[in-house]
Amino acid sequence: MCQHRPPCPSANTADRDAARTLAHQPKQGWSLLCNGVVLFDDTGELLPDGRVVEPHRATRAPRAGLSTGAGAGAR
């Protein structure tokens, strides 16, 4: 149970990502939030009840005229 004031959002709410971070493992790409949610760097989530939330990071379309292949410096 969260002891923060104001309390962190529940894992069942839409704003669950706003809970405070209890543990952060940047080399492994995840953080444990106060509400029991494991938040991954790709924005995917593992909820305390075992449900999986697919990554929901906004993606940007390539700008017109730019190549989507290897970078200019690749040889």
N, C-alpha and C. Protein backbone atom coordinates (compact mmCIF):
# COMPACT_ATOMS: atom_id res chain seq x y z
N MET A 1 0.84 -1.18 0.00
CA MET A 1 0.00 0.00 0.00
C MET A 1 0.89 1.25 0.00
N CYS A 2 0.52 2.19 -0.80
CA CYS A 2 1.30 3.42 -0.95
C CYS A 2 1.22 4.27 0.32
N GLN A 3 2.38 4.75 0.76
CA GLN A 3 2.46 5.63 1.93
C GLN A 3 2.72 7.08 1.54
N HIS A 4 2.78 7.37 0.23
CA HIS A 4 3.05 8.73 -0.22
C HIS A 4 1.82 9.62 -0.02
N ARG A 5 2.07 10.92 0.14
CA ARG A 5 0.99 11.91 0.26
C ARG A 5 1.21 12.97 -0.78
N PRO A 6 0.32 13.19 -1.71
CA PRO A 6 -0.88 12.41 -1.94
C PRO A 6 -0.52 11.01 -2.42
N PRO A 7 -1.42 10.05 -2.26
CA PRO A 7 -1.11 8.67 -2.65
C PRO A 7 -0.91 8.53 -4.15
N CYS A 8 -0.08 7.59 -4.52
CA CYS A 8 0.17 7.31 -5.94
C CYS A 8 -1.09 6.72 -6.58
N PRO A 9 -1.26 6.92 -7.89
CA PRO A 9 -2.40 6.33 -8.59
C PRO A 9 -2.36 4.81 -8.52
N SER A 10 -3.52 4.20 -8.46
CA SER A 10 -3.64 2.75 -8.44
C SER A 10 -3.17 2.15 -9.77
N ALA A 11 -2.78 0.89 -9.75
CA ALA A 11 -2.36 0.20 -10.96
C ALA A 11 -3.53 0.01 -11.92
N ASN A 12 -4.76 0.19 -11.46
CA ASN A 12 -5.94 -0.01 -12.30
C ASN A 12 -6.44 1.27 -12.94
N THR A 13 -5.74 2.38 -12.75
CA THR A 13 -6.19 3.65 -13.32
C THR A 13 -5.36 4.02 -14.55
N ALA A 14 -5.93 4.89 -15.35
CA ALA A 14 -5.26 5.31 -16.60
C ALA A 14 -3.95 6.05 -16.33
N ASP A 15 -3.84 6.73 -15.19
CA ASP A 15 -2.63 7.50 -14.88
C ASP A 15 -1.65 6.72 -14.00
N ARG A 16 -1.69 5.39 -14.07
CA ARG A 16 -0.83 4.54 -13.23
C ARG A 16 0.66 4.83 -13.40
N ASP A 17 1.07 5.34 -14.58
CA ASP A 17 2.48 5.65 -14.84
C ASP A 17 2.99 6.82 -14.00
N ALA A 18 2.07 7.57 -13.37
CA ALA A 18 2.46 8.73 -12.56
C ALA A 18 2.89 8.34 -11.15
N ALA A 19 2.80 7.06 -10.80
CA ALA A 19 3.24 6.62 -9.47
C ALA A 19 4.74 6.82 -9.32
N ARG A 20 5.19 6.98 -8.09
CA ARG A 20 6.63 7.18 -7.84
C ARG A 20 7.43 5.91 -8.14
N THR A 21 8.65 6.11 -8.55
CA THR A 21 9.56 5.00 -8.84
C THR A 21 10.20 4.51 -7.56
N LEU A 22 10.11 3.19 -7.32
CA LEU A 22 10.76 2.58 -6.16
C LEU A 22 12.12 1.99 -6.51
N ALA A 23 12.22 1.43 -7.72
CA ALA A 23 13.48 0.83 -8.17
C ALA A 23 13.61 1.11 -9.67
N HIS A 24 14.84 1.40 -10.09
CA HIS A 24 15.10 1.73 -11.49
C HIS A 24 16.33 0.96 -11.94
N GLN A 25 16.18 0.20 -13.00
CA GLN A 25 17.29 -0.59 -13.56
C GLN A 25 17.50 -0.18 -15.02
N PRO A 26 18.18 0.94 -15.25
CA PRO A 26 18.32 1.44 -16.63
C PRO A 26 19.06 0.47 -17.56
N LYS A 27 20.02 -0.27 -17.04
CA LYS A 27 20.74 -1.21 -17.90
C LYS A 27 19.84 -2.36 -18.34
N GLN A 28 18.84 -2.68 -17.52
CA GLN A 28 17.90 -3.75 -17.86
C GLN A 28 16.63 -3.21 -18.50
N GLY A 29 16.42 -1.90 -18.42
CA GLY A 29 15.31 -1.27 -19.12
C GLY A 29 13.96 -1.31 -18.42
N TRP A 30 13.96 -1.30 -17.08
CA TRP A 30 12.68 -1.31 -16.38
C TRP A 30 12.74 -0.52 -15.09
N SER A 31 11.54 -0.16 -14.62
CA SER A 31 11.39 0.53 -13.33
C SER A 31 10.20 -0.09 -12.61
N LEU A 32 10.30 -0.20 -11.29
CA LEU A 32 9.20 -0.65 -10.45
C LEU A 32 8.56 0.57 -9.83
N LEU A 33 7.26 0.72 -10.05
CA LEU A 33 6.54 1.86 -9.51
C LEU A 33 5.89 1.49 -8.17
N CYS A 34 5.54 2.49 -7.39
CA CYS A 34 4.98 2.32 -6.07
C CYS A 34 3.69 1.49 -6.08
N ASN A 35 2.95 1.54 -7.17
CA ASN A 35 1.69 0.81 -7.26
C ASN A 35 1.87 -0.63 -7.74
N GLY A 36 3.11 -1.09 -7.86
CA GLY A 36 3.39 -2.47 -8.26
C GLY A 36 3.55 -2.67 -9.75
N VAL A 37 3.41 -1.64 -10.53
CA VAL A 37 3.56 -1.73 -11.98
C VAL A 37 5.04 -1.77 -12.33
N VAL A 38 5.41 -2.67 -13.24
CA VAL A 38 6.76 -2.68 -13.80
C VAL A 38 6.64 -1.96 -15.14
N LEU A 39 7.34 -0.85 -15.27
CA LEU A 39 7.31 -0.01 -16.47
C LEU A 39 8.60 -0.24 -17.24
N PHE A 40 8.46 -0.62 -18.52
CA PHE A 40 9.62 -0.88 -19.37
C PHE A 40 9.95 0.34 -20.21
N ASP A 41 11.22 0.44 -20.61
CA ASP A 41 11.68 1.59 -21.39
C ASP A 41 10.93 1.78 -22.69
N ASP A 42 10.37 0.71 -23.26
CA ASP A 42 9.61 0.82 -24.50
C ASP A 42 8.16 1.24 -24.25
N THR A 43 7.84 1.59 -23.01
CA THR A 43 6.54 2.02 -22.50
C THR A 43 5.56 0.87 -22.30
N GLY A 44 5.99 -0.35 -22.49
CA GLY A 44 5.15 -1.49 -22.13
C GLY A 44 5.10 -1.59 -20.61
N GLU A 45 4.10 -2.30 -20.10
CA GLU A 45 3.92 -2.41 -18.66
C GLU A 45 3.51 -3.82 -18.28
N LEU A 46 3.90 -4.22 -17.08
CA LEU A 46 3.44 -5.46 -16.47
C LEU A 46 2.72 -5.04 -15.20
N LEU A 47 1.42 -5.34 -15.14
CA LEU A 47 0.61 -4.93 -14.00
C LEU A 47 0.73 -5.96 -12.87
N PRO A 48 0.43 -5.56 -11.64
CA PRO A 48 0.59 -6.47 -10.50
C PRO A 48 -0.22 -7.76 -10.62
N ASP A 49 -1.33 -7.73 -11.34
CA ASP A 49 -2.16 -8.93 -11.49
C ASP A 49 -1.71 -9.82 -12.65
N GLY A 50 -0.59 -9.46 -13.31
CA GLY A 50 -0.03 -10.27 -14.38
C GLY A 50 -0.44 -9.83 -15.78
N ARG A 51 -1.36 -8.90 -15.89
CA ARG A 51 -1.76 -8.41 -17.21
C ARG A 51 -0.61 -7.63 -17.84
N VAL A 52 -0.56 -7.68 -19.16
CA VAL A 52 0.47 -6.98 -19.93
C VAL A 52 -0.18 -5.83 -20.68
N VAL A 53 0.45 -4.66 -20.62
CA VAL A 53 0.03 -3.50 -21.40
C VAL A 53 1.07 -3.32 -22.49
N GLU A 54 0.64 -3.42 -23.73
CA GLU A 54 1.55 -3.28 -24.86
C GLU A 54 2.17 -1.89 -24.88
N PRO A 55 3.37 -1.75 -25.44
CA PRO A 55 4.00 -0.43 -25.55
C PRO A 55 3.06 0.56 -26.23
N HIS A 56 3.05 1.79 -25.73
CA HIS A 56 2.16 2.80 -26.27
C HIS A 56 2.88 4.11 -26.54
N ARG A 57 4.16 3.99 -26.83
CA ARG A 57 4.95 5.17 -27.17
C ARG A 57 4.47 5.74 -28.50
N ALA A 58 4.34 7.03 -28.55
CA ALA A 58 3.96 7.68 -29.81
C ALA A 58 5.07 7.49 -30.83
N THR A 59 4.69 7.17 -32.04
CA THR A 59 5.68 7.01 -33.10
C THR A 59 5.55 8.17 -34.07
N ARG A 60 6.67 8.56 -34.61
CA ARG A 60 6.68 9.65 -35.59
C ARG A 60 6.94 9.07 -36.96
N ALA A 61 6.20 9.55 -37.93
CA ALA A 61 6.41 9.14 -39.31
C ALA A 61 7.67 9.83 -39.83
N PRO A 62 8.43 9.15 -40.71
CA PRO A 62 9.62 9.80 -41.27
C PRO A 62 9.21 11.04 -42.06
N ARG A 63 10.05 12.06 -42.00
CA ARG A 63 9.78 13.28 -42.75
C ARG A 63 9.98 13.03 -44.23
N ALA A 64 9.21 13.73 -45.04
CA ALA A 64 9.30 13.59 -46.50
C ALA A 64 10.72 13.91 -46.96
N GLY A 65 11.22 13.10 -47.86
CA GLY A 65 12.53 13.35 -48.44
C GLY A 65 13.68 12.71 -47.66
N LEU A 66 13.41 12.13 -46.51
CA LEU A 66 14.47 11.50 -45.72
C LEU A 66 14.43 10.00 -45.94
N SER A 67 15.58 9.41 -46.05
CA SER A 67 15.68 7.97 -46.22
C SER A 67 15.44 7.28 -44.88
N THR A 68 14.77 6.13 -44.93
CA THR A 68 14.58 5.36 -43.70
C THR A 68 15.58 4.22 -43.61
N GLY A 69 16.53 4.17 -44.54
CA GLY A 69 17.54 3.13 -44.55
C GLY A 69 18.69 3.45 -43.60
N ALA A 70 19.86 2.87 -43.86
CA ALA A 70 21.04 3.09 -43.02
C ALA A 70 21.44 4.56 -43.03
N GLY A 71 22.02 5.00 -41.96
CA GLY A 71 22.45 6.40 -41.83
C GLY A 71 23.48 6.77 -42.87
N ALA A 72 23.66 8.04 -43.06
CA ALA A 72 24.59 8.54 -44.07
C ALA A 72 26.01 8.10 -43.81
N GLY A 73 26.37 7.90 -42.54
CA GLY A 73 27.74 7.53 -42.22
C GLY A 73 28.01 6.05 -42.32
N ALA A 74 26.97 5.22 -42.56
CA ALA A 74 27.17 3.76 -42.62
C ALA A 74 27.82 3.39 -43.95
N ARG A 75 28.77 2.49 -43.89
CA ARG A 75 29.44 2.02 -45.11
C ARG A 75 29.51 0.54 -45.10
